[in-house]
C-alpha cells in the first residue's frame, strides 16, 4: 500500500495589505487634491465675479443701463 503524504499548504492571505493600503492612501490624497482645487477655482454661476474682466464675455458699454 502507498504511503500517505500530507499535501496541505497553508495559504499566505495577508500578502496584499501593503498594496491595498497604498491604493487607499493614494485615493485619499487624490480626493484631497481635487477638493482643494475645486474650492480654489470654482465660481458659482450667480457669483458676481463669475463674468469678470478678461473672461471673454462681452462687456456692456459704459453708461448703459441693464
N, C-alpha and C. Protein backbone atom coordinates (compact mmCIF):
# COMPACT_ATOMS: atom_id res chain seq x y z
N UNK A 1 0.83 -1.17 0.00
CA UNK A 1 0.00 0.00 0.00
C UNK A 1 0.89 1.25 0.00
N UNK A 2 0.43 2.31 -0.71
CA UNK A 2 1.21 3.53 -0.84
C UNK A 2 1.14 4.34 0.45
N UNK A 3 2.24 5.00 0.73
CA UNK A 3 2.29 5.81 1.95
C UNK A 3 1.58 7.14 1.72
N UNK A 4 0.79 7.60 2.68
CA UNK A 4 0.04 8.86 2.57
C UNK A 4 0.96 10.02 2.92
N UNK A 5 0.95 11.06 2.04
CA UNK A 5 1.74 12.26 2.30
C UNK A 5 0.79 13.43 2.46
N UNK A 6 1.03 14.20 3.48
CA UNK A 6 0.22 15.41 3.73
C UNK A 6 0.54 16.42 2.64
N UNK A 7 -0.48 16.92 1.94
CA UNK A 7 -0.27 17.85 0.85
C UNK A 7 -0.86 19.23 1.13
N UNK A 8 -1.32 19.46 2.31
CA UNK A 8 -1.92 20.75 2.66
C UNK A 8 -0.83 21.81 2.74
N UNK A 9 -1.04 22.90 2.00
CA UNK A 9 -0.12 24.03 2.05
C UNK A 9 -0.93 25.23 2.51
N UNK A 10 -0.64 25.78 3.68
CA UNK A 10 -1.42 26.92 4.16
C UNK A 10 -1.25 28.13 3.24
N UNK A 11 -2.34 28.82 3.00
CA UNK A 11 -2.31 29.99 2.11
C UNK A 11 -1.73 31.19 2.83
N UNK A 12 -1.00 31.99 2.09
CA UNK A 12 -0.47 33.25 2.62
C UNK A 12 -1.42 34.35 2.15
N UNK A 13 -2.45 34.63 2.94
CA UNK A 13 -3.52 35.54 2.50
C UNK A 13 -3.31 36.99 2.94
N UNK A 14 -2.27 37.28 3.67
CA UNK A 14 -2.04 38.65 4.14
C UNK A 14 -1.04 39.41 3.29
N UNK A 15 -0.64 38.89 2.18
CA UNK A 15 0.42 39.49 1.39
C UNK A 15 -0.03 40.76 0.65
N UNK A 16 -1.33 40.98 0.45
CA UNK A 16 -1.79 42.12 -0.33
C UNK A 16 -2.08 43.37 0.46
N UNK A 17 -1.95 43.34 1.78
CA UNK A 17 -2.30 44.51 2.59
C UNK A 17 -1.44 45.74 2.32
N UNK A 18 -0.15 45.64 2.10
CA UNK A 18 0.61 46.86 1.78
C UNK A 18 0.15 47.52 0.48
N UNK A 19 -0.17 46.73 -0.51
CA UNK A 19 -0.65 47.29 -1.78
C UNK A 19 -2.02 47.93 -1.58
N UNK A 20 -2.91 47.25 -0.86
CA UNK A 20 -4.24 47.81 -0.60
C UNK A 20 -4.13 49.10 0.20
N UNK A 21 -3.24 49.14 1.17
CA UNK A 21 -3.03 50.36 1.95
C UNK A 21 -2.51 51.49 1.08
N UNK A 22 -1.61 51.17 0.15
CA UNK A 22 -1.10 52.18 -0.77
C UNK A 22 -2.17 52.74 -1.68
N UNK A 23 -3.05 51.87 -2.16
CA UNK A 23 -4.14 52.32 -3.03
C UNK A 23 -5.10 53.21 -2.25
N UNK A 24 -5.40 52.84 -1.02
CA UNK A 24 -6.30 53.65 -0.19
C UNK A 24 -5.66 55.01 0.11
N UNK A 25 -4.37 55.02 0.43
CA UNK A 25 -3.67 56.28 0.70
C UNK A 25 -3.64 57.17 -0.55
N UNK A 26 -3.37 56.59 -1.71
CA UNK A 26 -3.37 57.36 -2.96
C UNK A 26 -4.76 57.93 -3.23
N UNK A 27 -5.80 57.15 -2.97
CA UNK A 27 -7.17 57.62 -3.16
C UNK A 27 -7.48 58.81 -2.26
N UNK A 28 -7.08 58.73 -1.01
CA UNK A 28 -7.32 59.84 -0.08
C UNK A 28 -6.56 61.10 -0.49
N UNK A 29 -5.34 60.93 -0.96
CA UNK A 29 -4.54 62.07 -1.42
C UNK A 29 -5.21 62.72 -2.63
N UNK A 30 -5.68 61.90 -3.58
CA UNK A 30 -6.32 62.44 -4.77
C UNK A 30 -7.64 63.14 -4.44
N UNK A 31 -8.41 62.59 -3.52
CA UNK A 31 -9.67 63.23 -3.10
C UNK A 31 -9.36 64.58 -2.47
N UNK A 32 -8.35 64.64 -1.61
CA UNK A 32 -7.96 65.90 -1.00
C UNK A 32 -7.49 66.92 -2.02
N UNK A 33 -6.71 66.49 -3.00
CA UNK A 33 -6.22 67.39 -4.04
C UNK A 33 -7.36 67.94 -4.88
N UNK A 34 -8.27 67.08 -5.29
CA UNK A 34 -9.40 67.51 -6.11
C UNK A 34 -10.29 68.48 -5.34
N UNK A 35 -10.52 68.20 -4.06
CA UNK A 35 -11.34 69.09 -3.23
C UNK A 35 -10.68 70.45 -3.10
N UNK A 36 -9.38 70.48 -2.87
CA UNK A 36 -8.67 71.75 -2.74
C UNK A 36 -8.74 72.56 -4.04
N UNK A 37 -8.47 71.91 -5.18
CA UNK A 37 -8.51 72.62 -6.46
C UNK A 37 -9.92 73.13 -6.73
N UNK A 38 -10.92 72.33 -6.45
CA UNK A 38 -12.30 72.74 -6.68
C UNK A 38 -12.66 73.96 -5.83
N UNK A 39 -12.29 73.95 -4.56
CA UNK A 39 -12.63 75.08 -3.69
C UNK A 39 -11.88 76.34 -4.08
N UNK A 40 -10.69 76.20 -4.64
CA UNK A 40 -9.90 77.37 -5.02
C UNK A 40 -10.34 77.97 -6.36
N UNK A 41 -10.93 77.17 -7.24
CA UNK A 41 -11.18 77.66 -8.59
C UNK A 41 -12.65 77.76 -8.98
N UNK A 42 -13.56 77.10 -8.27
CA UNK A 42 -14.96 77.07 -8.68
C UNK A 42 -15.65 78.39 -8.40
N UNK A 43 -16.38 78.88 -9.37
CA UNK A 43 -17.23 80.06 -9.20
C UNK A 43 -18.64 79.66 -9.58
N UNK A 44 -19.57 79.91 -8.68
CA UNK A 44 -20.97 79.61 -8.95
C UNK A 44 -21.47 80.56 -10.03
N UNK A 45 -22.36 80.11 -10.92
CA UNK A 45 -22.85 80.98 -12.00
C UNK A 45 -23.54 82.25 -11.51
N UNK A 46 -24.04 82.28 -10.29
CA UNK A 46 -24.66 83.51 -9.78
C UNK A 46 -23.67 84.40 -9.05
N UNK A 47 -22.42 84.00 -8.99
CA UNK A 47 -21.39 84.81 -8.35
C UNK A 47 -21.14 86.05 -9.21
N UNK A 48 -21.06 87.23 -8.56
CA UNK A 48 -20.89 88.47 -9.31
C UNK A 48 -19.52 88.56 -9.98
N UNK A 49 -18.55 87.82 -9.51
CA UNK A 49 -17.23 87.86 -10.13
C UNK A 49 -17.06 86.79 -11.21
N UNK A 50 -18.10 86.03 -11.48
CA UNK A 50 -18.01 84.94 -12.45
C UNK A 50 -17.72 85.47 -13.85
N UNK A 51 -18.41 86.53 -14.25
CA UNK A 51 -18.17 87.15 -15.55
C UNK A 51 -17.21 88.32 -15.36
N UNK A 52 -16.03 88.01 -14.91
CA UNK A 52 -15.07 89.05 -14.60
C UNK A 52 -14.37 89.59 -15.83
N UNK A 53 -13.58 90.61 -15.62
CA UNK A 53 -12.83 91.24 -16.69
C UNK A 53 -11.84 90.22 -17.27
N UNK A 54 -11.82 90.16 -18.59
CA UNK A 54 -10.92 89.24 -19.26
C UNK A 54 -11.46 87.82 -19.38
N UNK A 55 -12.72 87.60 -19.03
CA UNK A 55 -13.27 86.26 -19.11
C UNK A 55 -13.75 85.91 -20.51
N UNK A 56 -13.75 86.89 -21.42
CA UNK A 56 -14.18 86.62 -22.78
C UNK A 56 -15.62 87.00 -23.03
N UNK A 57 -16.37 87.35 -21.99
CA UNK A 57 -17.75 87.79 -22.16
C UNK A 57 -17.75 89.23 -22.67
N UNK A 58 -18.74 89.55 -23.47
CA UNK A 58 -18.84 90.91 -23.99
C UNK A 58 -19.30 91.84 -22.86
N UNK A 59 -18.55 92.87 -22.64
CA UNK A 59 -18.90 93.84 -21.60
C UNK A 59 -19.88 94.87 -22.16
N UNK A 60 -20.76 95.36 -21.28
CA UNK A 60 -21.69 96.44 -21.71
C UNK A 60 -20.93 97.74 -21.85
N UNK A 61 -21.28 98.52 -22.80
CA UNK A 61 -20.62 99.82 -22.96
C UNK A 61 -20.86 100.68 -21.72
N UNK A 62 -19.94 101.54 -21.45
CA UNK A 62 -20.05 102.44 -20.28
C UNK A 62 -21.27 103.33 -20.41
N UNK A 63 -21.97 103.56 -19.31
CA UNK A 63 -23.10 104.47 -19.29
C UNK A 63 -24.41 103.83 -19.71
N UNK A 64 -24.46 102.57 -20.01
CA UNK A 64 -25.73 101.95 -20.42
C UNK A 64 -26.37 101.29 -19.21
N UNK A 65 -27.68 101.24 -19.23
CA UNK A 65 -28.42 100.61 -18.14
C UNK A 65 -28.50 99.10 -18.38
N UNK A 66 -29.04 98.39 -17.43
CA UNK A 66 -29.19 96.94 -17.51
C UNK A 66 -29.94 96.64 -18.73
